[in-house]
Amino acid sequence: MAVIDWRPIIKKYAGLWVGLKDDEMTVIVSGKTPREVMEKAQKKGFSKPILLHVPTKVIPFVGGLQATG
């Protein structure tokens, strides 16, 4: 599994919703609401973009592991 660097997306689209291509890196459209993004994407011929709300502040998170005994 390849690592995806979303830093350019976060920097450019902070606080907005974006529609991504299936490669999870290419922004098709952006907008203030998911509905706006879906409408714009459909007008461009993308019926099922990946929707992502871009955070305004990046907070590091490390997923938890559950120890089994």
PDB file of N, CA and C in Angstrom:
ATOM      1  N   MET A   1       0.843  -1.178   0.000  1.00  0.00           N
ATOM      2  CA  MET A   1       0.000   0.000   0.000  1.00  0.00           C
ATOM      3  C   MET A   1       0.889   1.242   0.000  1.00  0.00           C
ATOM      4  N   ALA A   2       0.679   2.107  -0.949  1.00  0.00           N
ATOM      5  CA  ALA A   2       1.483   3.323  -1.076  1.00  0.00           C
ATOM      6  C   ALA A   2       0.990   4.392  -0.098  1.00  0.00           C
ATOM      7  N   VAL A   3       1.911   5.179   0.379  1.00  0.00           N
ATOM      8  CA  VAL A   3       1.579   6.283   1.265  1.00  0.00           C
ATOM      9  C   VAL A   3       1.128   7.471   0.411  1.00  0.00           C
ATOM     10  N   ILE A   4       0.045   8.114   0.831  1.00  0.00           N
ATOM     11  CA  ILE A   4      -0.478   9.263   0.098  1.00  0.00           C
ATOM     12  C   ILE A   4      -0.162  10.522   0.891  1.00  0.00           C
ATOM     13  N   ASP A   5       0.468  11.482   0.241  1.00  0.00           N
ATOM     14  CA  ASP A   5       0.811  12.751   0.888  1.00  0.00           C
ATOM     15  C   ASP A   5      -0.275  13.771   0.575  1.00  0.00           C
ATOM     16  N   TRP A   6      -1.142  14.026   1.564  1.00  0.00           N
ATOM     17  CA  TRP A   6      -2.235  14.968   1.380  1.00  0.00           C
ATOM     18  C   TRP A   6      -1.867  16.373   1.822  1.00  0.00           C
ATOM     19  N   ARG A   7      -0.617  16.617   2.178  1.00  0.00           N
ATOM     20  CA  ARG A   7      -0.233  17.953   2.642  1.00  0.00           C
ATOM     21  C   ARG A   7      -0.561  19.059   1.640  1.00  0.00           C
ATOM     22  N   PRO A   8      -0.313  18.887   0.349  1.00  0.00           N
ATOM     23  CA  PRO A   8      -0.690  19.954  -0.597  1.00  0.00           C
ATOM     24  C   PRO A   8      -2.204  20.200  -0.630  1.00  0.00           C
ATOM     25  N   ILE A   9      -2.994  19.131  -0.506  1.00  0.00           N
ATOM     26  CA  ILE A   9      -4.448  19.272  -0.494  1.00  0.00           C
ATOM     27  C   ILE A   9      -4.881  20.021   0.767  1.00  0.00           C
ATOM     28  N   ILE A  10      -4.303  19.644   1.907  1.00  0.00           N
ATOM     29  CA  ILE A  10      -4.646  20.299   3.172  1.00  0.00           C
ATOM     30  C   ILE A  10      -4.284  21.777   3.123  1.00  0.00           C
ATOM     31  N   LYS A  11      -3.130  22.077   2.570  1.00  0.00           N
ATOM     32  CA  LYS A  11      -2.684  23.472   2.506  1.00  0.00           C
ATOM     33  C   LYS A  11      -3.599  24.314   1.609  1.00  0.00           C
ATOM     34  N   LYS A  12      -4.001  23.765   0.480  1.00  0.00           N
ATOM     35  CA  LYS A  12      -4.778  24.529  -0.501  1.00  0.00           C
ATOM     36  C   LYS A  12      -6.278  24.569  -0.191  1.00  0.00           C
ATOM     37  N   TYR A  13      -6.822  23.487   0.380  1.00  0.00           N
ATOM     38  CA  TYR A  13      -8.269  23.365   0.532  1.00  0.00           C
ATOM     39  C   TYR A  13      -8.728  23.308   1.995  1.00  0.00           C
ATOM     40  N   ALA A  14      -7.942  23.805   2.920  1.00  0.00           N
ATOM     41  CA  ALA A  14      -8.288  23.739   4.348  1.00  0.00           C
ATOM     42  C   ALA A  14      -9.684  24.291   4.613  1.00  0.00           C
ATOM     43  N   GLY A  15     -10.494  23.509   5.324  1.00  0.00           N
ATOM     44  CA  GLY A  15     -11.837  23.935   5.687  1.00  0.00           C
ATOM     45  C   GLY A  15     -12.905  23.668   4.641  1.00  0.00           C
ATOM     46  N   LEU A  16     -12.517  23.176   3.482  1.00  0.00           N
ATOM     47  CA  LEU A  16     -13.483  22.908   2.401  1.00  0.00           C
ATOM     48  C   LEU A  16     -13.716  21.408   2.240  1.00  0.00           C
ATOM     49  N   TRP A  17     -14.743  21.093   1.490  1.00  0.00           N
ATOM     50  CA  TRP A  17     -14.971  19.728   1.036  1.00  0.00           C
ATOM     51  C   TRP A  17     -14.346  19.591  -0.338  1.00  0.00           C
ATOM     52  N   VAL A  18     -13.761  18.436  -0.626  1.00  0.00           N
ATOM     53  CA  VAL A  18     -13.201  18.176  -1.950  1.00  0.00           C
ATOM     54  C   VAL A  18     -13.736  16.852  -2.472  1.00  0.00           C
ATOM     55  N   GLY A  19     -13.776  16.749  -3.775  1.00  0.00           N
ATOM     56  CA  GLY A  19     -14.091  15.501  -4.460  1.00  0.00           C
ATOM     57  C   GLY A  19     -12.815  15.009  -5.106  1.00  0.00           C
ATOM     58  N   LEU A  20     -12.432  13.772  -4.777  1.00  0.00           N
ATOM     59  CA  LEU A  20     -11.190  13.199  -5.289  1.00  0.00           C
ATOM     60  C   LEU A  20     -11.475  12.122  -6.322  1.00  0.00           C
ATOM     61  N   LYS A  21     -10.524  11.939  -7.243  1.00  0.00           N
ATOM     62  CA  LYS A  21     -10.580  10.809  -8.165  1.00  0.00           C
ATOM     63  C   LYS A  21     -10.276   9.536  -7.376  1.00  0.00           C
ATOM     64  N   ASP A  22     -10.418   8.386  -8.024  1.00  0.00           N
ATOM     65  CA  ASP A  22     -10.165   7.102  -7.376  1.00  0.00           C
ATOM     66  C   ASP A  22      -8.727   6.927  -6.905  1.00  0.00           C
ATOM     67  N   ASP A  23      -7.806   7.732  -7.429  1.00  0.00           N
ATOM     68  CA  ASP A  23      -6.411   7.622  -6.998  1.00  0.00           C
ATOM     69  C   ASP A  23      -6.190   8.231  -5.607  1.00  0.00           C
ATOM     70  N   GLU A  24      -7.227   8.855  -5.061  1.00  0.00           N
ATOM     71  CA  GLU A  24      -7.226   9.460  -3.727  1.00  0.00           C
ATOM     72  C   GLU A  24      -6.248  10.630  -3.580  1.00  0.00           C
ATOM     73  N   MET A  25      -5.782  11.179  -4.710  1.00  0.00           N
ATOM     74  CA  MET A  25      -4.826  12.285  -4.682  1.00  0.00           C
ATOM     75  C   MET A  25      -5.250  13.461  -5.560  1.00  0.00           C
ATOM     76  N   THR A  26      -5.993  13.182  -6.599  1.00  0.00           N
ATOM     77  CA  THR A  26      -6.351  14.201  -7.575  1.00  0.00           C
ATOM     78  C   THR A  26      -7.675  14.847  -7.207  1.00  0.00           C
ATOM     79  N   VAL A  27      -7.636  16.152  -6.948  1.00  0.00           N
ATOM     80  CA  VAL A  27      -8.852  16.888  -6.610  1.00  0.00           C
ATOM     81  C   VAL A  27      -9.594  17.224  -7.899  1.00  0.00           C
ATOM     82  N   ILE A  28     -10.855  16.814  -7.956  1.00  0.00           N
ATOM     83  CA  ILE A  28     -11.701  17.108  -9.112  1.00  0.00           C
ATOM     84  C   ILE A  28     -12.343  18.480  -8.921  1.00  0.00           C
ATOM     85  N   VAL A  29     -12.976  18.658  -7.751  1.00  0.00           N
ATOM     86  CA  VAL A  29     -13.682  19.894  -7.429  1.00  0.00           C
ATOM     87  C   VAL A  29     -13.595  20.151  -5.929  1.00  0.00           C
ATOM     88  N   SER A  30     -13.931  21.375  -5.531  1.00  0.00           N
ATOM     89  CA  SER A  30     -14.003  21.704  -4.110  1.00  0.00           C
ATOM     90  C   SER A  30     -15.225  22.581  -3.879  1.00  0.00           C
ATOM     91  N   GLY A  31     -15.658  22.642  -2.623  1.00  0.00           N
ATOM     92  CA  GLY A  31     -16.811  23.464  -2.283  1.00  0.00           C
ATOM     93  C   GLY A  31     -17.007  23.526  -0.784  1.00  0.00           C
ATOM     94  N   LYS A  32     -18.014  24.299  -0.377  1.00  0.00           N
ATOM     95  CA  LYS A  32     -18.283  24.486   1.046  1.00  0.00           C
ATOM     96  C   LYS A  32     -19.139  23.376   1.647  1.00  0.00           C
ATOM     97  N   THR A  33     -19.868  22.638   0.805  1.00  0.00           N
ATOM     98  CA  THR A  33     -20.732  21.573   1.301  1.00  0.00           C
ATOM     99  C   THR A  33     -20.545  20.314   0.452  1.00  0.00           C
ATOM    100  N   PRO A  34     -20.868  19.150   1.026  1.00  0.00           N
ATOM    101  CA  PRO A  34     -20.802  17.919   0.221  1.00  0.00           C
ATOM    102  C   PRO A  34     -21.732  17.972  -0.994  1.00  0.00           C
ATOM    103  N   ARG A  35     -22.911  18.568  -0.817  1.00  0.00           N
ATOM    104  CA  ARG A  35     -23.860  18.673  -1.931  1.00  0.00           C
ATOM    105  C   ARG A  35     -23.259  19.486  -3.080  1.00  0.00           C
ATOM    106  N   GLU A  36     -22.623  20.605  -2.748  1.00  0.00           N
ATOM    107  CA  GLU A  36     -22.002  21.438  -3.774  1.00  0.00           C
ATOM    108  C   GLU A  36     -20.921  20.671  -4.524  1.00  0.00           C
ATOM    109  N   VAL A  37     -20.127  19.917  -3.784  1.00  0.00           N
ATOM    110  CA  VAL A  37     -19.051  19.135  -4.403  1.00  0.00           C
ATOM    111  C   VAL A  37     -19.633  18.058  -5.317  1.00  0.00           C
ATOM    112  N   MET A  38     -20.674  17.367  -4.864  1.00  0.00           N
ATOM    113  CA  MET A  38     -21.292  16.331  -5.692  1.00  0.00           C
ATOM    114  C   MET A  38     -21.882  16.913  -6.975  1.00  0.00           C
ATOM    115  N   GLU A  39     -22.553  18.045  -6.861  1.00  0.00           N
ATOM    116  CA  GLU A  39     -23.143  18.670  -8.047  1.00  0.00           C
ATOM    117  C   GLU A  39     -22.067  19.086  -9.049  1.00  0.00           C
ATOM    118  N   LYS A  40     -20.995  19.696  -8.544  1.00  0.00           N
ATOM    119  CA  LYS A  40     -19.903  20.115  -9.434  1.00  0.00           C
ATOM    120  C   LYS A  40     -19.236  18.904 -10.086  1.00  0.00           C
ATOM    121  N   ALA A  41     -19.021  17.846  -9.308  1.00  0.00           N
ATOM    122  CA  ALA A  41     -18.365  16.640  -9.835  1.00  0.00           C
ATOM    123  C   ALA A  41     -19.225  15.998 -10.920  1.00  0.00           C
ATOM    124  N   GLN A  42     -20.530  15.914 -10.681  1.00  0.00           N
ATOM    125  CA  GLN A  42     -21.419  15.315 -11.678  1.00  0.00           C
ATOM    126  C   GLN A  42     -21.429  16.125 -12.970  1.00  0.00           C
ATOM    127  N   LYS A  43     -21.352  17.451 -12.863  1.00  0.00           N
ATOM    128  CA  LYS A  43     -21.290  18.290 -14.062  1.00  0.00           C
ATOM    129  C   LYS A  43     -20.014  18.034 -14.850  1.00  0.00           C
ATOM    130  N   LYS A  44     -18.954  17.600 -14.154  1.00  0.00           N
ATOM    131  CA  LYS A  44     -17.685  17.295 -14.827  1.00  0.00           C
ATOM    132  C   LYS A  44     -17.610  15.835 -15.272  1.00  0.00           C
ATOM    133  N   GLY A  45     -18.683  15.062 -15.018  1.00  0.00           N
ATOM    134  CA  GLY A  45     -18.711  13.677 -15.470  1.00  0.00           C
ATOM    135  C   GLY A  45     -18.249  12.654 -14.447  1.00  0.00           C
ATOM    136  N   PHE A  46     -18.105  13.039 -13.198  1.00  0.00           N
ATOM    137  CA  PHE A  46     -17.695  12.121 -12.142  1.00  0.00           C
ATOM    138  C   PHE A  46     -18.903  11.853 -11.247  1.00  0.00           C
ATOM    139  N   SER A  47     -19.471  10.649 -11.354  1.00  0.00           N
ATOM    140  CA  SER A  47     -20.701  10.361 -10.619  1.00  0.00           C
ATOM    141  C   SER A  47     -20.450   9.951  -9.170  1.00  0.00           C
ATOM    142  N   LYS A  48     -19.276   9.411  -8.869  1.00  0.00           N
ATOM    143  CA  LYS A  48     -18.986   8.942  -7.512  1.00  0.00           C
ATOM    144  C   LYS A  48     -17.584   9.364  -7.066  1.00  0.00           C
ATOM    145  N   PRO A  49     -17.370  10.648  -6.837  1.00  0.00           N
ATOM    146  CA  PRO A  49     -16.057  11.063  -6.337  1.00  0.00           C
ATOM    147  C   PRO A  49     -15.903  10.646  -4.870  1.00  0.00           C
ATOM    148  N   ILE A  50     -14.685  10.584  -4.419  1.00  0.00           N
ATOM    149  CA  ILE A  50     -14.425  10.350  -3.000  1.00  0.00           C
ATOM    150  C   ILE A  50     -14.561  11.701  -2.316  1.00  0.00           C
ATOM    151  N   LEU A  51     -15.460  11.794  -1.342  1.00  0.00           N
ATOM    152  CA  LEU A  51     -15.661  13.051  -0.628  1.00  0.00           C
ATOM    153  C   LEU A  51     -14.750  13.108   0.589  1.00  0.00           C
ATOM    154  N   LEU A  52     -14.143  14.263   0.787  1.00  0.00           N
ATOM    155  CA  LEU A  52     -13.239  14.455   1.917  1.00  0.00           C
ATOM    156  C   LEU A  52     -13.425  15.859   2.455  1.00  0.00           C
ATOM    157  N   HIS A  53     -13.645  15.969   3.765  1.00  0.00           N
ATOM    158  CA  HIS A  53     -13.651  17.287   4.396  1.00  0.00           C
ATOM    159  C   HIS A  53     -12.231  17.545   4.864  1.00  0.00           C
ATOM    160  N   VAL A  54     -11.619  18.579   4.331  1.00  0.00           N
ATOM    161  CA  VAL A  54     -10.223  18.893   4.636  1.00  0.00           C
ATOM    162  C   VAL A  54     -10.178  19.684   5.946  1.00  0.00           C
ATOM    163  N   PRO A  55      -9.444  19.183   6.930  1.00  0.00           N
ATOM    164  CA  PRO A  55      -9.394  19.886   8.212  1.00  0.00           C
ATOM    165  C   PRO A  55      -8.656  21.214   8.115  1.00  0.00           C
ATOM    166  N   THR A  56      -8.991  22.117   9.013  1.00  0.00           N
ATOM    167  CA  THR A  56      -8.277  23.395   9.055  1.00  0.00           C
ATOM    168  C   THR A  56      -7.016  23.279   9.890  1.00  0.00           C
ATOM    169  N   LYS A  57      -6.984  22.288  10.752  1.00  0.00           N
ATOM    170  CA  LYS A  57      -5.821  22.062  11.603  1.00  0.00           C
ATOM    171  C   LYS A  57      -5.543  20.567  11.631  1.00  0.00           C
ATOM    172  N   VAL A  58      -4.301  20.192  11.396  1.00  0.00           N
ATOM    173  CA  VAL A  58      -3.927  18.789  11.385  1.00  0.00           C
ATOM    174  C   VAL A  58      -3.450  18.401  12.779  1.00  0.00           C
ATOM    175  N   ILE A  59      -4.109  17.412  13.339  1.00  0.00           N
ATOM    176  CA  ILE A  59      -3.740  16.902  14.651  1.00  0.00           C
ATOM    177  C   ILE A  59      -3.250  15.470  14.458  1.00  0.00           C
ATOM    178  N   PRO A  60      -2.019  15.185  14.833  1.00  0.00           N
ATOM    179  CA  PRO A  60      -1.493  13.824  14.652  1.00  0.00           C
ATOM    180  C   PRO A  60      -2.329  12.797  15.422  1.00  0.00           C
ATOM    181  N   PHE A  61      -2.522  11.646  14.832  1.00  0.00           N
ATOM    182  CA  PHE A  61      -3.265  10.574  15.456  1.00  0.00           C
ATOM    183  C   PHE A  61      -2.557   9.267  15.163  1.00  0.00           C
ATOM    184  N   VAL A  62      -2.376   8.484  16.196  1.00  0.00           N
ATOM    185  CA  VAL A  62      -1.814   7.154  16.029  1.00  0.00           C
ATOM    186  C   VAL A  62      -2.898   6.185  16.465  1.00  0.00           C
ATOM    187  N   GLY A  63      -3.301   5.332  15.575  1.00  0.00           N
ATOM    188  CA  GLY A  63      -4.376   4.392  15.894  1.00  0.00           C
ATOM    189  C   GLY A  63      -3.999   3.503  17.070  1.00  0.00           C
ATOM    190  N   GLY A  64      -4.978   3.188  17.840  1.00  0.00           N
ATOM    191  CA  GLY A  64      -4.750   2.359  19.026  1.00  0.00           C
ATOM    192  C   GLY A  64      -4.711   0.881  18.664  1.00  0.00           C
ATOM    193  N   LEU A  65      -3.950   0.166  19.423  1.00  0.00           N
ATOM    194  CA  LEU A  65      -3.888  -1.287  19.272  1.00  0.00           C
ATOM    195  C   LEU A  65      -4.441  -1.907  20.536  1.00  0.00           C
ATOM    196  N   GLN A  66      -5.184  -2.959  20.364  1.00  0.00           N
ATOM    197  CA  GLN A  66      -5.733  -3.633  21.514  1.00  0.00           C
ATOM    198  C   GLN A  66      -4.917  -4.898  21.767  1.00  0.00           C
ATOM    199  N   ALA A  67      -4.346  -4.982  22.964  1.00  0.00           N
ATOM    200  CA  ALA A  67      -3.563  -6.165  23.309  1.00  0.00           C
ATOM    201  C   ALA A  67      -4.499  -7.315  23.660  1.00  0.00           C
ATOM    202  N   THR A  68      -4.200  -8.457  23.124  1.00  0.00           N
ATOM    203  CA  THR A  68      -4.984  -9.635  23.479  1.00  0.00           C
ATOM    204  C   THR A  68      -4.104 -10.581  24.267  1.00  0.00           C
ATOM    205  N   GLY A  69      -4.668 -11.189  25.209  1.00  0.00           N
ATOM    206  CA  GLY A  69      -3.838 -11.911  26.124  1.00  0.00           C
ATOM    207  C   GLY A  69      -3.878 -13.326  26.135  1.00  0.00           C
TER     208      GLY A  69
END
